[in-house]
Amino acid sequence: MRAIAYLERTRLWSHAVTDALRTWSWFVDHPWHRLWDPTSGCGVMECCPNPPELRWILDVAVAVLPPKDARTLRKQIAVLDEQW
């Protein structure tokens, strides 16, 4: 949690990783996620998420976490990625 808090404080925003994981989960579970169009949408993460941006946030979080924690997060992300 310390590594994520530092990442959010210095490079992202408060709760960025939690928001990205929650939004990625919602997005891939949503039946219309295959209709995502990068040229449309409002740009608000909770309304019209941008999958590459969400994945970038999650990938950065994995990169800064200690190995054990990174593996745990990677497993959570992999389950969601299979739905994408």
N, C-alpha and C. Protein backbone atom coordinates (compact mmCIF):
# COMPACT_ATOMS: atom_id res chain seq x y z
N MET A 1 0.82 -1.20 0.00
CA MET A 1 0.00 0.00 0.00
C MET A 1 0.86 1.26 0.00
N ARG A 2 2.03 1.17 0.64
CA ARG A 2 2.92 2.32 0.70
C ARG A 2 3.40 2.71 -0.70
N ALA A 3 3.75 1.70 -1.50
CA ALA A 3 4.24 1.96 -2.86
C ALA A 3 3.15 2.59 -3.72
N ILE A 4 1.93 2.10 -3.59
CA ILE A 4 0.82 2.66 -4.36
C ILE A 4 0.51 4.07 -3.88
N ALA A 5 0.51 4.30 -2.59
CA ALA A 5 0.25 5.64 -2.06
C ALA A 5 1.30 6.63 -2.57
N TYR A 6 2.55 6.21 -2.58
CA TYR A 6 3.61 7.09 -3.08
C TYR A 6 3.42 7.36 -4.57
N LEU A 7 3.10 6.33 -5.34
CA LEU A 7 2.85 6.50 -6.77
C LEU A 7 1.71 7.47 -7.02
N GLU A 8 0.63 7.29 -6.29
CA GLU A 8 -0.52 8.18 -6.48
C GLU A 8 -0.20 9.61 -6.05
N ARG A 9 0.56 9.76 -4.99
CA ARG A 9 0.89 11.09 -4.49
C ARG A 9 1.85 11.82 -5.43
N THR A 10 2.77 11.09 -6.05
CA THR A 10 3.80 11.75 -6.85
C THR A 10 3.54 11.78 -8.35
N ARG A 11 2.77 10.81 -8.86
CA ARG A 11 2.63 10.74 -10.32
C ARG A 11 1.20 10.64 -10.83
N LEU A 12 0.29 10.23 -9.99
CA LEU A 12 -1.09 10.06 -10.44
C LEU A 12 -2.00 10.96 -9.63
N TRP A 13 -3.04 10.42 -9.06
CA TRP A 13 -3.95 11.17 -8.19
C TRP A 13 -4.45 10.22 -7.12
N SER A 14 -5.05 10.77 -6.11
CA SER A 14 -5.53 9.98 -4.99
C SER A 14 -6.51 8.90 -5.47
N HIS A 15 -6.28 7.66 -5.07
CA HIS A 15 -7.13 6.51 -5.40
C HIS A 15 -7.11 6.14 -6.88
N ALA A 16 -6.12 6.58 -7.62
CA ALA A 16 -6.05 6.29 -9.05
C ALA A 16 -6.03 4.79 -9.34
N VAL A 17 -5.25 4.04 -8.59
CA VAL A 17 -5.13 2.60 -8.84
C VAL A 17 -6.43 1.89 -8.49
N THR A 18 -7.01 2.22 -7.36
CA THR A 18 -8.30 1.62 -6.98
C THR A 18 -9.37 1.96 -8.00
N ASP A 19 -9.42 3.23 -8.41
CA ASP A 19 -10.40 3.65 -9.41
C ASP A 19 -10.19 2.91 -10.73
N ALA A 20 -8.94 2.77 -11.15
CA ALA A 20 -8.64 2.10 -12.41
C ALA A 20 -9.04 0.63 -12.36
N LEU A 21 -8.74 -0.04 -11.25
CA LEU A 21 -9.09 -1.46 -11.12
C LEU A 21 -10.60 -1.64 -11.09
N ARG A 22 -11.28 -0.81 -10.34
CA ARG A 22 -12.74 -0.89 -10.26
C ARG A 22 -13.37 -0.59 -11.62
N THR A 23 -12.88 0.43 -12.30
CA THR A 23 -13.44 0.80 -13.60
C THR A 23 -13.14 -0.25 -14.65
N TRP A 24 -11.92 -0.81 -14.65
CA TRP A 24 -11.57 -1.87 -15.60
C TRP A 24 -12.48 -3.08 -15.38
N SER A 25 -12.74 -3.42 -14.12
CA SER A 25 -13.63 -4.53 -13.80
C SER A 25 -15.03 -4.26 -14.32
N TRP A 26 -15.54 -3.06 -14.07
CA TRP A 26 -16.87 -2.69 -14.56
C TRP A 26 -16.90 -2.73 -16.08
N PHE A 27 -15.88 -2.18 -16.71
CA PHE A 27 -15.85 -2.07 -18.17
C PHE A 27 -15.87 -3.44 -18.83
N VAL A 28 -15.03 -4.36 -18.39
CA VAL A 28 -14.98 -5.67 -19.06
C VAL A 28 -16.21 -6.51 -18.73
N ASP A 29 -16.89 -6.24 -17.60
CA ASP A 29 -18.12 -6.95 -17.28
C ASP A 29 -19.33 -6.40 -18.03
N HIS A 30 -19.23 -5.17 -18.49
CA HIS A 30 -20.34 -4.52 -19.17
C HIS A 30 -20.56 -5.18 -20.53
N PRO A 31 -21.80 -5.50 -20.88
CA PRO A 31 -22.04 -6.19 -22.14
C PRO A 31 -21.67 -5.37 -23.39
N TRP A 32 -21.59 -4.08 -23.28
CA TRP A 32 -21.28 -3.26 -24.46
C TRP A 32 -19.82 -2.89 -24.55
N HIS A 33 -18.95 -3.50 -23.73
CA HIS A 33 -17.55 -3.08 -23.72
C HIS A 33 -16.89 -3.27 -25.08
N ARG A 34 -17.37 -4.14 -25.91
CA ARG A 34 -16.79 -4.34 -27.24
C ARG A 34 -17.11 -3.19 -28.19
N LEU A 35 -18.04 -2.35 -27.81
CA LEU A 35 -18.41 -1.22 -28.66
C LEU A 35 -17.57 0.03 -28.38
N TRP A 36 -16.56 -0.10 -27.53
CA TRP A 36 -15.73 1.06 -27.18
C TRP A 36 -15.13 1.68 -28.42
N ASP A 37 -15.25 2.99 -28.52
CA ASP A 37 -14.72 3.74 -29.65
C ASP A 37 -13.85 4.86 -29.10
N PRO A 38 -12.55 4.86 -29.43
CA PRO A 38 -11.66 5.88 -28.88
C PRO A 38 -11.97 7.30 -29.33
N THR A 39 -12.79 7.46 -30.36
CA THR A 39 -13.09 8.81 -30.87
C THR A 39 -14.33 9.42 -30.22
N SER A 40 -15.03 8.64 -29.40
CA SER A 40 -16.23 9.19 -28.77
C SER A 40 -16.15 9.01 -27.26
N GLY A 41 -17.06 9.59 -26.57
CA GLY A 41 -17.09 9.49 -25.11
C GLY A 41 -16.72 10.81 -24.47
N CYS A 42 -17.03 10.90 -23.20
CA CYS A 42 -16.80 12.16 -22.49
C CYS A 42 -15.43 12.23 -21.83
N GLY A 43 -14.75 11.09 -21.71
CA GLY A 43 -13.41 11.08 -21.11
C GLY A 43 -13.39 10.91 -19.61
N VAL A 44 -14.57 10.87 -18.98
CA VAL A 44 -14.64 10.65 -17.54
C VAL A 44 -14.49 9.15 -17.30
N MET A 45 -13.53 8.78 -16.43
CA MET A 45 -13.20 7.38 -16.23
C MET A 45 -14.42 6.54 -15.85
N GLU A 46 -15.27 7.03 -14.98
CA GLU A 46 -16.39 6.25 -14.49
C GLU A 46 -17.53 6.16 -15.51
N CYS A 47 -17.53 7.00 -16.52
CA CYS A 47 -18.61 7.02 -17.50
C CYS A 47 -18.18 6.40 -18.83
N CYS A 48 -17.13 6.94 -19.40
CA CYS A 48 -16.62 6.51 -20.70
C CYS A 48 -15.14 6.19 -20.57
N PRO A 49 -14.80 5.07 -19.93
CA PRO A 49 -13.39 4.78 -19.67
C PRO A 49 -12.59 4.53 -20.95
N ASN A 50 -11.33 4.85 -20.87
CA ASN A 50 -10.40 4.62 -21.97
C ASN A 50 -9.56 3.40 -21.58
N PRO A 51 -9.82 2.23 -22.19
CA PRO A 51 -9.10 1.01 -21.79
C PRO A 51 -7.58 1.14 -21.77
N PRO A 52 -6.95 1.74 -22.78
CA PRO A 52 -5.48 1.87 -22.70
C PRO A 52 -5.02 2.69 -21.50
N GLU A 53 -5.77 3.72 -21.13
CA GLU A 53 -5.40 4.53 -19.97
C GLU A 53 -5.55 3.72 -18.67
N LEU A 54 -6.64 2.98 -18.56
CA LEU A 54 -6.84 2.16 -17.37
C LEU A 54 -5.72 1.13 -17.24
N ARG A 55 -5.39 0.48 -18.34
CA ARG A 55 -4.33 -0.53 -18.32
C ARG A 55 -2.98 0.09 -18.01
N TRP A 56 -2.74 1.31 -18.49
CA TRP A 56 -1.48 1.99 -18.20
C TRP A 56 -1.35 2.22 -16.70
N ILE A 57 -2.40 2.70 -16.07
CA ILE A 57 -2.38 2.94 -14.63
C ILE A 57 -2.10 1.63 -13.89
N LEU A 58 -2.78 0.57 -14.27
CA LEU A 58 -2.59 -0.71 -13.60
C LEU A 58 -1.19 -1.28 -13.85
N ASP A 59 -0.68 -1.11 -15.07
CA ASP A 59 0.67 -1.59 -15.37
C ASP A 59 1.73 -0.82 -14.58
N VAL A 60 1.53 0.47 -14.42
CA VAL A 60 2.47 1.27 -13.62
C VAL A 60 2.42 0.81 -12.16
N ALA A 61 1.23 0.54 -11.66
CA ALA A 61 1.11 0.07 -10.27
C ALA A 61 1.84 -1.25 -10.09
N VAL A 62 1.68 -2.17 -11.03
CA VAL A 62 2.37 -3.46 -10.95
C VAL A 62 3.88 -3.25 -10.95
N ALA A 63 4.34 -2.30 -11.74
CA ALA A 63 5.78 -2.05 -11.87
C ALA A 63 6.41 -1.52 -10.58
N VAL A 64 5.65 -0.79 -9.77
CA VAL A 64 6.24 -0.20 -8.57
C VAL A 64 6.02 -1.03 -7.31
N LEU A 65 5.17 -2.03 -7.40
CA LEU A 65 4.89 -2.86 -6.22
C LEU A 65 6.02 -3.84 -5.95
N PRO A 66 6.17 -4.23 -4.70
CA PRO A 66 7.10 -5.33 -4.38
C PRO A 66 6.64 -6.59 -5.12
N PRO A 67 7.56 -7.51 -5.42
CA PRO A 67 7.23 -8.68 -6.24
C PRO A 67 5.99 -9.47 -5.81
N LYS A 68 5.86 -9.75 -4.53
CA LYS A 68 4.71 -10.54 -4.06
C LYS A 68 3.40 -9.81 -4.32
N ASP A 69 3.37 -8.52 -4.00
CA ASP A 69 2.15 -7.73 -4.22
C ASP A 69 1.87 -7.55 -5.71
N ALA A 70 2.93 -7.40 -6.50
CA ALA A 70 2.76 -7.27 -7.94
C ALA A 70 2.12 -8.52 -8.53
N ARG A 71 2.56 -9.70 -8.06
CA ARG A 71 1.97 -10.96 -8.54
C ARG A 71 0.48 -11.02 -8.23
N THR A 72 0.11 -10.61 -7.02
CA THR A 72 -1.30 -10.63 -6.61
C THR A 72 -2.13 -9.72 -7.51
N LEU A 73 -1.65 -8.51 -7.74
CA LEU A 73 -2.38 -7.58 -8.60
C LEU A 73 -2.42 -8.08 -10.03
N ARG A 74 -1.30 -8.63 -10.51
CA ARG A 74 -1.25 -9.17 -11.87
C ARG A 74 -2.29 -10.28 -12.07
N LYS A 75 -2.48 -11.11 -11.06
CA LYS A 75 -3.49 -12.18 -11.15
C LYS A 75 -4.90 -11.60 -11.26
N GLN A 76 -5.18 -10.57 -10.47
CA GLN A 76 -6.49 -9.92 -10.54
C GLN A 76 -6.71 -9.33 -11.93
N ILE A 77 -5.70 -8.68 -12.45
CA ILE A 77 -5.80 -8.05 -13.76
C ILE A 77 -5.95 -9.10 -14.85
N ALA A 78 -5.23 -10.22 -14.74
CA ALA A 78 -5.29 -11.28 -15.75
C ALA A 78 -6.70 -11.85 -15.88
N VAL A 79 -7.38 -12.01 -14.74
CA VAL A 79 -8.75 -12.52 -14.77
C VAL A 79 -9.64 -11.55 -15.56
N LEU A 80 -9.46 -10.27 -15.33
CA LEU A 80 -10.24 -9.27 -16.05
C LEU A 80 -9.85 -9.21 -17.52
N ASP A 81 -8.56 -9.31 -17.81
CA ASP A 81 -8.09 -9.25 -19.20
C ASP A 81 -8.66 -10.37 -20.05
N GLU A 82 -8.90 -11.52 -19.45
CA GLU A 82 -9.47 -12.63 -20.20
C GLU A 82 -10.87 -12.28 -20.72
N GLN A 83 -11.55 -11.41 -20.02
CA GLN A 83 -12.90 -10.99 -20.45
C GLN A 83 -12.84 -9.95 -21.56
N TRP A 84 -11.73 -9.25 -21.66
CA TRP A 84 -11.57 -8.19 -22.66
C TRP A 84 -11.38 -8.82 -24.00
